[in-house]
Amino acid sequence: MMIKIFFKYSLLMFVLFYSNIAMSNNEIYFVDMKFIMNNSLAGKSIIKQLNKKNESSQKKFKDKEKKLKDEEKKIISQKNVLNENEYLLKAQSFKKKVDDYKLSRNKMINEAQKNLTDSLSSILAEYAKKNSVAYIIPKENIIIGRAELDVTNAILEILNSKIKNIEL
């Protein structure tokens, strides 16, 4: 009796695992996203535009940083003069200004990268559909993989042919 149950379960497990093995012929491809971001025409245009904007706004940001540092020194010097609640309010207000400053600096970069990533996602989906690819994953998540499964150059060529420039 026990042997019959064992063989039934063994047969069932064999059928389940064998069907999964037979169906696992799909290869997983990978793409180096950093390489594409830095070497595609669109990525280079974003970097060039960011450098230009950074140079032009560098003085403005430095002035803002100087004002924030002066304000911080003033708040610290008033710590002993102000009561605890007033000091905490000023410190929180200063922290909010610093956070707003950081957000304004990073917002421009994030929007440009999002535009490129969105464009790249549609190109990857089209490539996967056209070439019957089950999965395309970022190279950063790969420990080891065969070089022929790296589709970075193919994706880079498609991206360069479709998108030359992304405006900030």
Protein backbone atom coordinates (compact mmCIF):
# COMPACT_ATOMS: atom_id res chain seq x y z
CA MET A 1 0.00 0.00 0.00
CA MET A 2 2.73 2.47 0.98
CA ILE A 3 4.76 1.55 -2.11
CA LYS A 4 1.80 2.28 -4.42
CA ILE A 5 1.35 5.75 -2.90
CA PHE A 6 5.09 6.41 -3.20
CA PHE A 7 5.11 5.43 -6.89
CA LYS A 8 2.03 7.54 -7.64
CA TYR A 9 3.61 10.62 -6.07
CA SER A 10 6.93 9.88 -7.75
CA LEU A 11 5.23 9.57 -11.14
CA LEU A 12 3.29 12.78 -10.56
CA MET A 13 6.44 14.68 -9.53
CA PHE A 14 8.34 13.33 -12.55
CA VAL A 15 5.60 14.48 -14.94
CA LEU A 16 5.45 17.94 -13.36
CA PHE A 17 9.21 18.46 -13.37
CA TYR A 18 9.68 16.96 -16.84
CA SER A 19 7.07 19.27 -18.35
CA ASN A 20 8.77 22.29 -16.73
CA ILE A 21 12.15 21.20 -18.05
CA ALA A 22 10.75 20.72 -21.54
CA MET A 23 9.12 24.14 -21.49
CA SER A 24 12.18 25.99 -20.15
CA ASN A 25 13.83 26.46 -23.55
CA ASN A 26 13.31 30.23 -23.40
CA GLU A 27 16.58 32.04 -23.07
CA ILE A 28 16.99 35.05 -20.85
CA TYR A 29 18.81 37.99 -22.40
CA PHE A 30 20.41 40.89 -20.62
CA VAL A 31 21.25 44.50 -21.40
CA ASP A 32 23.75 46.93 -19.85
CA MET A 33 21.53 49.91 -19.00
CA LYS A 34 24.39 52.14 -17.78
CA PHE A 35 26.28 51.60 -21.02
CA ILE A 36 23.21 52.52 -23.05
CA MET A 37 22.47 55.58 -20.90
CA ASN A 38 26.04 56.85 -21.29
CA ASN A 39 26.75 55.88 -24.92
CA SER A 40 23.50 56.32 -26.81
CA LEU A 41 22.95 59.49 -28.80
CA ALA A 42 20.00 60.40 -26.59
CA GLY A 43 22.00 59.71 -23.41
CA LYS A 44 24.91 61.79 -24.66
CA SER A 45 22.54 64.64 -25.53
CA ILE A 46 21.09 64.54 -22.01
CA ILE A 47 24.57 64.62 -20.48
CA LYS A 48 25.60 67.51 -22.74
CA GLN A 49 22.45 69.50 -21.90
CA LEU A 50 22.86 68.82 -18.19
CA ASN A 51 26.47 70.00 -18.30
CA LYS A 52 25.42 73.23 -20.06
CA LYS A 53 22.59 73.86 -17.60
CA ASN A 54 24.83 72.96 -14.70
CA GLU A 55 27.46 75.48 -15.81
CA SER A 56 24.88 78.22 -16.28
CA SER A 57 23.14 77.54 -13.00
CA GLN A 58 26.29 76.80 -11.00
CA LYS A 59 26.58 80.41 -9.83
CA LYS A 60 22.91 80.50 -8.83
CA PHE A 61 23.25 77.26 -6.85
CA LYS A 62 26.46 78.45 -5.16
CA ASP A 63 24.75 81.69 -4.10
CA LYS A 64 21.84 79.67 -2.72
CA GLU A 65 24.23 77.33 -0.89
CA LYS A 66 26.07 80.33 0.63
CA LYS A 67 22.78 81.84 1.82
CA LEU A 68 21.74 78.51 3.34
CA LYS A 69 25.08 78.14 5.14
CA ASP A 70 24.83 81.71 6.47
CA GLU A 71 21.31 81.02 7.68
CA GLU A 72 22.48 77.81 9.35
CA LYS A 73 25.25 79.68 11.19
CA LYS A 74 22.75 82.33 12.29
CA ILE A 75 20.35 79.69 13.64
CA ILE A 76 23.16 77.91 15.49
CA SER A 77 24.35 81.19 17.01
CA GLN A 78 20.80 81.91 18.23
CA LYS A 79 20.45 78.51 19.90
CA ASN A 80 21.22 79.85 23.38
CA VAL A 81 19.17 83.04 22.92
CA LEU A 82 15.96 81.49 21.55
CA ASN A 83 13.69 79.26 23.56
CA GLU A 84 13.65 75.61 22.54
CA ASN A 85 10.40 75.79 20.51
CA GLU A 86 11.53 78.79 18.45
CA TYR A 87 14.88 77.15 17.79
CA LEU A 88 13.23 73.92 16.67
CA LEU A 89 10.88 75.82 14.34
CA LYS A 90 13.78 77.70 12.74
CA ALA A 91 15.81 74.50 12.42
CA GLN A 92 12.86 72.70 10.76
CA SER A 93 12.31 75.64 8.41
CA PHE A 94 15.99 75.57 7.47
CA LYS A 95 15.90 71.81 6.90
CA LYS A 96 12.92 72.25 4.57
CA LYS A 97 14.81 74.90 2.57
CA VAL A 98 17.79 72.56 2.22
CA ASP A 99 15.54 69.72 1.10
CA ASP A 100 13.82 71.96 -1.45
CA TYR A 101 17.21 72.99 -2.79
CA LYS A 102 18.30 69.34 -3.22
CA LEU A 103 15.01 68.49 -4.93
CA SER A 104 15.33 71.32 -7.42
CA ARG A 105 18.85 70.19 -8.36
CA ASN A 106 17.88 66.55 -8.84
CA LYS A 107 14.47 67.05 -10.46
CA MET A 108 15.89 68.03 -13.84
CA ILE A 109 18.21 65.00 -13.98
CA ASN A 110 15.49 62.56 -12.93
CA GLU A 111 13.04 63.80 -15.56
CA ALA A 112 15.57 63.40 -18.37
CA GLN A 113 16.54 59.91 -17.22
CA LYS A 114 12.87 58.95 -16.96
CA ASN A 115 12.24 60.08 -20.55
CA LEU A 116 15.15 57.99 -21.79
CA THR A 117 14.12 54.99 -19.69
CA ASP A 118 10.54 55.17 -20.97
CA SER A 119 11.77 55.30 -24.56
CA LEU A 120 14.15 52.44 -23.89
CA SER A 121 11.40 50.32 -22.30
CA SER A 122 9.26 50.52 -25.42
CA ILE A 123 12.27 49.62 -27.59
CA LEU A 124 13.06 46.64 -25.34
CA ALA A 125 9.44 45.45 -25.51
CA GLU A 126 9.44 45.74 -29.30
CA TYR A 127 12.77 43.88 -29.51
CA ALA A 128 11.51 41.11 -27.23
CA LYS A 129 8.33 40.70 -29.25
CA LYS A 130 10.11 40.71 -32.63
CA ASN A 131 12.79 38.22 -31.50
CA SER A 132 10.53 36.01 -29.32
CA VAL A 133 12.52 36.81 -26.19
CA ALA A 134 10.92 35.80 -22.91
CA TYR A 135 12.98 38.00 -20.58
CA ILE A 136 15.40 40.91 -20.85
CA ILE A 137 16.94 41.84 -17.53
CA PRO A 138 19.51 44.48 -16.51
CA LYS A 139 23.14 43.35 -16.66
CA GLU A 140 23.67 44.73 -13.16
CA ASN A 141 21.51 41.86 -11.83
CA ILE A 142 23.56 39.17 -13.60
CA ILE A 143 26.34 37.38 -11.79
CA ILE A 144 27.51 35.41 -14.81
CA GLY A 145 26.10 34.97 -18.29
CA ARG A 146 27.12 33.93 -21.76
CA ALA A 147 28.29 36.85 -23.88
CA GLU A 148 25.94 35.92 -26.74
CA LEU A 149 22.96 36.62 -24.45
CA ASP A 150 24.04 40.28 -24.06
CA VAL A 151 21.85 42.33 -26.42
CA THR A 152 23.24 45.73 -25.36
CA ASN A 153 24.76 46.60 -28.74
CA ALA A 154 21.63 45.61 -30.66
CA ILE A 155 19.45 47.71 -28.37
CA LEU A 156 21.92 50.62 -28.60
CA GLU A 157 21.73 50.56 -32.41
CA ILE A 158 17.92 50.54 -32.36
CA LEU A 159 17.82 53.36 -29.79
CA ASN A 160 20.29 55.45 -31.79
CA SER A 161 18.29 54.97 -34.98
CA LYS A 162 14.98 55.95 -33.32
CA ILE A 163 15.95 58.63 -30.79
CA LYS A 164 18.78 61.06 -31.47
CA ASN A 165 18.04 63.69 -28.84
CA ILE A 166 15.95 64.18 -25.71
CA GLU A 167 15.22 67.77 -24.74
CA LEU A 168 15.23 68.76 -21.11
